[in-house]
Amino acid sequence: MRAGRDCPLDYRLRREAFAAEPLFACDTLYVAGGLYGNRQALAALQQRVASEPGARLVFNGDAHWFDADAAIFQQIEQGLAGHLALRGNVETELGRADDSGAGCGCAYPMSVDEAVVERSNAIQQQLKRTVHGIPGMAQCLATRPCTAVVSVAGQRVAISHGDEQSLAGWSCSRESLCETARQHELDQWFAAQNIQVLATSHTCAAVALNLTHGALINNGAAGMSNFAGGRYGLVSRIARTPHPAALYRAERDGVFIEALALNYDHDAFLADFDRQWPAGSPAALSYRSRILGAVADQPQHALLAGFSLCHSLCALEALTDE
């Protein structure tokens, strides 16, 4: 097995993973994948959810990544309490008693540079040392589910960190979903599983696609920048009513599927990051420029079909400046 490139067999999702009855029902659901140990983003997310009475929140894996400091790691864990928290590849590998050989478990495609893969494996090793120093933490992470089905305004919503087939699958990446054959495969899956929305993350690049039988929304990362110049994360919101601050949305059968900017205290997060991952460290080399907003994507690049921008360019620029 190539660490960081290949998935262990237990990453494969059971065929019946999304056949269960919904775990709960609500009218407003937030899904946050890729929090990445950003405690400032966590605080902002908690405030946003609390501002909508009755809203529910699901953490969609990889809640940890930059939180090598044990105190911050535990603070993130405390913030997850009271909400449904799923396992991403990060939590799955941190929760293992033995080394699976998967490294970070990201299952990076070959388009990702080998140096990036090696740095991610090094980050995971540092986090593993952090977890080993917190009694009972590995077992806690290992017991989390990796998928969920919930009901939002009567619609069945599936949640998976990777895709509908694998915990760390890349078939819900933007590149994959641009392919007609893949769109057809996913649309057939929606119909066969009686799922109206699939919420994912993992690939660290936002994407939204509305098909005949269901809609896919991948929030990219809740805990760091997703769009050029932006210093905010993204979260998915699925609800009976639209949110006035949505960046983009689609509507299906009276349910709004949206991406919302998650504005957090950027300076405080950067200070946390630099203290834990100084210049030259694996995380600094891979992520610091992105945290500062040095990415090429614009919000419209995330929209493949059936979603529309909600903000004018001026409004988007204002978000970027926050």
Protein backbone atom coordinates (compact mmCIF):
# COMPACT_ATOMS: atom_id res chain seq x y z
CA MET A 1 0.00 0.00 0.00
CA ARG A 2 1.29 3.48 -0.89
CA ALA A 3 0.87 5.79 2.10
CA GLY A 4 -1.38 8.72 1.22
CA ARG A 5 -2.30 7.26 -2.18
CA ASP A 6 -4.20 4.05 -1.49
CA CYS A 7 -7.27 3.33 0.63
CA PRO A 8 -7.54 0.44 3.08
CA LEU A 9 -10.31 -2.00 2.25
CA ASP A 10 -12.36 -0.84 5.23
CA TYR A 11 -12.80 2.57 3.59
CA ARG A 12 -15.31 1.02 1.20
CA LEU A 13 -18.88 1.87 2.21
CA ARG A 14 -21.45 -0.87 2.59
CA ARG A 15 -24.02 -1.06 -0.21
CA GLU A 16 -26.75 -0.50 2.37
CA ALA A 17 -24.96 2.42 4.06
CA PHE A 18 -27.63 4.89 2.97
CA ALA A 19 -30.67 2.64 3.19
CA ALA A 20 -31.33 3.28 6.88
CA GLU A 21 -34.11 5.38 8.33
CA PRO A 22 -33.03 8.99 8.99
CA LEU A 23 -31.20 9.55 12.26
CA PHE A 24 -33.20 12.72 12.87
CA ALA A 25 -35.49 15.18 11.11
CA CYS A 26 -35.12 18.95 10.94
CA ASP A 27 -35.95 21.93 8.76
CA THR A 28 -32.42 23.34 8.68
CA LEU A 29 -29.21 21.33 8.45
CA TYR A 30 -25.62 22.53 8.38
CA VAL A 31 -22.87 20.21 7.17
CA ALA A 32 -19.26 21.17 7.90
CA GLY A 33 -16.51 19.05 6.41
CA GLY A 34 -12.85 19.92 6.72
CA LEU A 35 -12.86 22.01 9.89
CA TYR A 36 -9.15 21.08 10.10
CA GLY A 37 -8.67 21.99 13.73
CA ASN A 38 -9.59 25.65 13.22
CA ARG A 39 -11.09 26.63 16.58
CA GLN A 40 -11.98 30.11 15.34
CA ALA A 41 -14.04 28.58 12.51
CA LEU A 42 -15.67 26.29 15.06
CA ALA A 43 -16.71 29.27 17.20
CA ALA A 44 -18.11 31.08 14.15
CA LEU A 45 -20.03 27.98 13.10
CA GLN A 46 -21.51 27.51 16.56
CA GLN A 47 -22.74 31.11 16.49
CA ARG A 48 -24.26 30.70 13.04
CA VAL A 49 -26.14 27.53 13.94
CA ALA A 50 -27.36 29.02 17.23
CA SER A 51 -28.81 31.96 15.30
CA GLU A 52 -31.32 29.60 13.63
CA PRO A 53 -33.53 27.95 16.26
CA GLY A 54 -33.96 24.24 15.55
CA ALA A 55 -31.02 24.03 13.14
CA ARG A 56 -28.92 20.86 13.33
CA LEU A 57 -25.22 20.48 12.60
CA VAL A 58 -23.23 17.53 11.27
CA PHE A 59 -19.43 17.56 11.23
CA ASN A 60 -18.54 15.70 8.08
CA GLY A 61 -15.09 14.36 8.93
CA ASP A 62 -11.58 15.81 9.10
CA ALA A 63 -12.51 18.03 12.02
CA HIS A 64 -8.82 17.75 12.94
CA TRP A 65 -5.68 18.52 10.93
CA PHE A 66 -3.88 21.69 12.01
CA ASP A 67 -4.54 21.16 15.75
CA ALA A 68 -1.30 19.45 16.75
CA ASP A 69 -1.51 21.24 20.11
CA ALA A 70 -3.27 18.87 22.51
CA ALA A 71 -5.23 21.67 24.18
CA ILE A 72 -6.62 22.88 20.84
CA PHE A 73 -7.32 19.30 19.75
CA GLN A 74 -9.41 18.78 22.89
CA GLN A 75 -11.13 22.14 22.43
CA ILE A 76 -12.22 21.02 18.97
CA GLU A 77 -13.51 17.78 20.46
CA GLN A 78 -15.51 19.70 23.05
CA GLY A 79 -17.08 21.75 20.25
CA LEU A 80 -18.15 18.59 18.42
CA ALA A 81 -20.00 17.35 21.49
CA GLY A 82 -23.75 17.67 21.17
CA HIS A 83 -23.62 17.38 17.38
CA LEU A 84 -23.33 14.43 15.03
CA ALA A 85 -19.64 13.95 14.19
CA LEU A 86 -18.60 11.60 11.39
CA ARG A 87 -15.21 10.08 10.71
CA GLY A 88 -13.10 11.36 7.88
CA ASN A 89 -9.87 9.73 6.82
CA VAL A 90 -8.02 11.83 9.42
CA GLU A 91 -10.08 10.51 12.35
CA THR A 92 -10.09 6.99 10.93
CA GLU A 93 -6.30 6.75 10.82
CA LEU A 94 -5.89 8.52 14.17
CA GLY A 95 -8.27 6.04 15.75
CA ARG A 96 -6.45 2.90 14.66
CA ALA A 97 -4.60 0.81 17.22
CA ASP A 98 -2.19 -0.36 14.50
CA ASP A 99 -0.71 1.41 11.48
CA SER A 100 -2.77 0.56 8.38
CA GLY A 101 -0.05 1.74 6.01
CA ALA A 102 -2.43 4.31 4.53
CA GLY A 103 -0.56 7.32 5.94
CA CYS A 104 -2.98 10.24 6.06
CA GLY A 105 -5.63 8.14 4.31
CA CYS A 106 -6.31 10.93 1.80
CA ALA A 107 -6.06 8.55 -1.20
CA TYR A 108 -4.70 11.39 -3.31
CA PRO A 109 -5.05 10.97 -7.08
CA MET A 110 -1.89 10.92 -9.17
CA SER A 111 -2.54 14.53 -10.23
CA VAL A 112 -1.42 15.59 -6.73
CA ASP A 113 2.33 16.12 -6.40
CA GLU A 114 4.23 13.50 -4.41
CA ALA A 115 5.71 16.17 -2.13
CA VAL A 116 2.19 17.16 -1.06
CA VAL A 117 1.40 13.53 -0.25
CA GLU A 118 4.56 13.15 1.82
CA ARG A 119 3.81 16.31 3.77
CA SER A 120 0.27 15.12 4.51
CA ASN A 121 1.64 11.84 5.82
CA ALA A 122 4.01 13.83 8.07
CA ILE A 123 1.14 15.97 9.40
CA GLN A 124 -0.80 12.81 10.20
CA GLN A 125 2.16 11.39 12.11
CA GLN A 126 2.38 14.55 14.21
CA LEU A 127 -1.34 14.36 14.97
CA LYS A 128 -0.94 10.70 15.88
CA ARG A 129 1.59 11.70 18.54
CA THR A 130 -0.88 14.30 19.83
CA VAL A 131 -3.68 11.74 20.07
CA HIS A 132 -1.44 9.21 21.84
CA GLY A 133 -0.94 11.81 24.56
CA ILE A 134 -4.68 12.17 25.24
CA PRO A 135 -6.05 9.14 27.12
CA GLY A 136 -9.01 7.48 25.40
CA MET A 137 -8.99 9.82 22.39
CA ALA A 138 -8.08 7.23 19.77
CA GLN A 139 -10.92 4.98 20.86
CA CYS A 140 -13.33 7.92 20.80
CA LEU A 141 -12.40 8.76 17.21
CA ALA A 142 -12.57 5.12 16.10
CA THR A 143 -16.15 4.66 17.23
CA ARG A 144 -17.60 7.46 15.09
CA PRO A 145 -19.76 6.53 12.12
CA CYS A 146 -18.54 7.39 8.63
CA THR A 147 -21.95 8.04 7.01
CA ALA A 148 -25.37 9.33 7.97
CA VAL A 149 -28.85 9.78 6.54
CA VAL A 150 -31.05 12.55 7.93
CA SER A 151 -34.36 14.08 6.90
CA VAL A 152 -34.57 17.77 6.02
CA ALA A 153 -38.05 19.12 5.34
CA GLY A 154 -39.08 15.59 4.40
CA GLN A 155 -36.18 15.01 1.98
CA ARG A 156 -33.60 12.28 2.52
CA VAL A 157 -30.09 13.73 2.84
CA ALA A 158 -27.04 11.45 2.74
CA ILE A 159 -23.77 12.59 4.29
CA SER A 160 -20.38 11.08 3.48
CA HIS A 161 -16.91 12.48 3.94
CA GLY A 162 -15.68 11.21 0.56
CA ASP A 163 -18.31 10.02 -1.89
CA GLU A 164 -21.16 7.50 -1.99
CA GLN A 165 -18.74 4.59 -2.36
CA SER A 166 -15.72 5.29 -0.16
CA LEU A 167 -14.89 7.19 3.01
CA ALA A 168 -12.05 8.94 1.16
CA GLY A 169 -13.31 8.62 -2.41
CA TRP A 170 -12.61 11.33 -4.97
CA SER A 171 -15.63 10.65 -7.19
CA CYS A 172 -17.32 13.79 -5.84
CA SER A 173 -14.39 15.98 -6.81
CA ARG A 174 -14.96 18.72 -9.35
CA GLU A 175 -12.81 16.96 -11.93
CA SER A 176 -14.74 13.70 -11.60
CA LEU A 177 -18.17 15.34 -11.63
CA CYS A 178 -17.38 17.19 -14.85
CA GLU A 179 -17.53 13.84 -16.64
CA THR A 180 -20.89 12.94 -18.19
CA ALA A 181 -20.54 9.26 -17.30
CA ARG A 182 -19.91 10.10 -13.66
CA GLN A 183 -22.91 12.43 -13.54
CA HIS A 184 -25.08 9.64 -14.93
CA GLU A 185 -23.70 7.17 -12.37
CA LEU A 186 -24.43 9.54 -9.49
CA ASP A 187 -27.90 10.35 -10.77
CA GLN A 188 -28.73 6.65 -10.98
CA TRP A 189 -27.48 6.24 -7.42
CA PHE A 190 -29.78 9.03 -6.21
CA ALA A 191 -32.75 7.29 -7.81
CA ALA A 192 -31.86 3.80 -6.55
CA GLN A 193 -31.19 4.93 -2.98
CA ASN A 194 -34.11 7.38 -2.73
CA ILE A 195 -31.67 10.13 -1.74
CA GLN A 196 -32.42 13.72 -2.69
CA VAL A 197 -29.19 15.39 -1.51
CA LEU A 198 -25.65 14.12 -0.97
CA ALA A 199 -23.36 16.32 1.16
CA THR A 200 -19.62 15.60 0.98
CA SER A 201 -16.23 17.29 1.44
CA HIS A 202 -12.76 15.59 1.46
CA THR A 203 -11.41 16.95 -1.84
CA CYS A 204 -10.80 20.44 -0.39
CA ALA A 205 -12.39 22.03 -3.47
CA ALA A 206 -16.03 23.15 -3.41
CA VAL A 207 -18.41 21.79 -6.03
CA ALA A 208 -22.19 21.79 -6.52
CA LEU A 209 -24.23 19.83 -9.04
CA ASN A 210 -28.01 19.50 -9.39
CA LEU A 211 -29.07 16.43 -11.38
CA THR A 212 -32.45 14.96 -12.32
CA HIS A 213 -32.86 12.80 -9.23
CA GLY A 214 -30.72 14.57 -6.65
CA ALA A 215 -28.19 17.27 -5.83
CA LEU A 216 -24.56 17.04 -4.72
CA ILE A 217 -22.90 19.70 -2.58
CA ASN A 218 -19.25 19.49 -1.53
CA ASN A 219 -18.31 22.31 0.87
CA GLY A 220 -14.58 22.13 0.18
CA ALA A 221 -13.24 23.20 3.57
CA ALA A 222 -14.96 24.79 6.54
CA GLY A 223 -11.66 25.64 8.20
CA MET A 224 -9.69 27.48 5.52
CA SER A 225 -9.97 29.55 2.37
CA ASN A 226 -11.68 28.12 -0.70
CA PHE A 227 -11.81 31.03 -3.15
CA ALA A 228 -9.31 33.57 -4.46
CA GLY A 229 -8.52 36.24 -1.90
CA GLY A 230 -11.06 34.85 0.53
CA ARG A 231 -10.21 34.27 4.17
CA TYR A 232 -13.34 32.36 5.05
CA GLY A 233 -14.39 28.73 5.09
CA LEU A 234 -17.45 27.20 3.47
CA VAL A 235 -20.31 25.21 4.98
CA SER A 236 -23.27 23.52 3.34
CA ARG A 237 -26.79 24.48 4.40
CA ILE A 238 -29.84 22.42 3.44
CA ALA A 239 -33.12 23.91 4.59
CA ARG A 240 -36.79 24.60 4.05
CA THR A 241 -36.09 28.34 3.70
CA PRO A 242 -33.23 30.14 1.90
CA HIS A 243 -30.50 31.99 3.78
CA PRO A 244 -29.98 35.66 2.82
CA ALA A 245 -26.18 35.29 2.95
CA ALA A 246 -25.84 32.20 0.72
CA LEU A 247 -23.09 32.37 -1.89
CA TYR A 248 -24.86 29.99 -4.25
CA ARG A 249 -27.87 27.69 -4.14
CA ALA A 250 -30.26 25.33 -5.86
CA GLU A 251 -33.84 24.50 -4.94
CA ARG A 252 -35.36 21.02 -5.14
CA ASP A 253 -38.91 20.22 -4.10
CA GLY A 254 -39.08 23.09 -1.64
CA VAL A 255 -35.62 22.45 -0.13
CA PHE A 256 -32.77 24.93 -0.61
CA ILE A 257 -29.23 23.55 -0.97
CA GLU A 258 -26.69 26.30 -0.34
CA ALA A 259 -23.07 27.16 0.35
CA LEU A 260 -22.46 29.80 3.02
CA ALA A 261 -19.26 31.65 3.81
CA LEU A 262 -17.94 30.95 7.30
CA ASN A 263 -16.17 34.11 8.39
CA TYR A 264 -13.88 33.50 11.35
CA ASP A 265 -11.17 35.43 13.20
CA HIS A 266 -8.48 35.02 10.57
CA ASP A 267 -5.68 36.70 12.52
CA ALA A 268 -6.25 34.51 15.57
CA PHE A 269 -6.36 31.37 13.44
CA LEU A 270 -3.16 32.32 11.64
CA ALA A 271 -1.45 32.91 14.99
CA ASP A 272 -2.57 29.44 16.15
CA PHE A 273 -1.37 27.92 12.90
CA ASP A 274 2.05 29.60 12.94
CA ARG A 275 2.66 28.59 16.53
CA GLN A 276 1.91 24.93 15.79
CA TRP A 277 3.37 24.80 12.28
CA PRO A 278 6.30 27.21 11.91
CA ALA A 279 7.94 28.11 8.62
CA GLY A 280 9.32 25.07 6.83
CA SER A 281 6.99 22.62 8.58
CA PRO A 282 4.86 20.25 6.45
CA ALA A 283 1.59 22.11 7.10
CA ALA A 284 3.16 25.53 6.52
CA LEU A 285 4.58 24.41 3.17
CA SER A 286 1.32 22.85 2.02
CA TYR A 287 -1.32 25.19 3.43
CA ARG A 288 -0.15 28.58 4.67
CA SER A 289 -0.50 30.34 1.32
CA ARG A 290 -3.99 28.92 0.90
CA ILE A 291 -4.96 30.06 4.39
CA LEU A 292 -3.98 33.56 3.22
CA GLY A 293 -6.34 33.23 0.24
CA ALA A 294 -3.78 32.36 -2.44
CA VAL A 295 -6.03 30.07 -4.48
CA ALA A 296 -7.20 30.41 -8.07
CA ASP A 297 -10.82 29.30 -7.69
CA GLN A 298 -13.72 31.73 -7.89
CA PRO A 299 -17.19 30.82 -6.51
CA GLN A 300 -18.56 30.32 -10.02
CA HIS A 301 -15.94 27.63 -10.65
CA ALA A 302 -17.70 25.44 -8.07
CA LEU A 303 -20.99 25.46 -9.97
CA LEU A 304 -21.28 22.64 -12.50
CA ALA A 305 -25.03 22.63 -13.22
CA GLY A 306 -28.29 23.62 -11.58
CA PHE A 307 -26.82 26.00 -8.98
CA SER A 308 -26.76 29.80 -9.22
CA LEU A 309 -24.71 32.52 -7.55
CA CYS A 310 -26.74 34.51 -5.04
CA HIS A 311 -24.40 37.46 -4.50
CA SER A 312 -23.30 40.15 -6.87
CA LEU A 313 -19.58 40.38 -7.52
CA CYS A 314 -19.45 43.39 -5.21
CA ALA A 315 -20.95 41.40 -2.37
CA LEU A 316 -18.49 38.57 -2.94
CA GLU A 317 -15.62 41.07 -2.88
CA ALA A 318 -16.91 42.41 0.44
CA LEU A 319 -16.83 38.89 1.88
CA THR A 320 -13.27 38.53 0.63
CA ASP A 321 -12.24 41.67 2.48
CA GLU A 322 -13.64 40.52 5.83
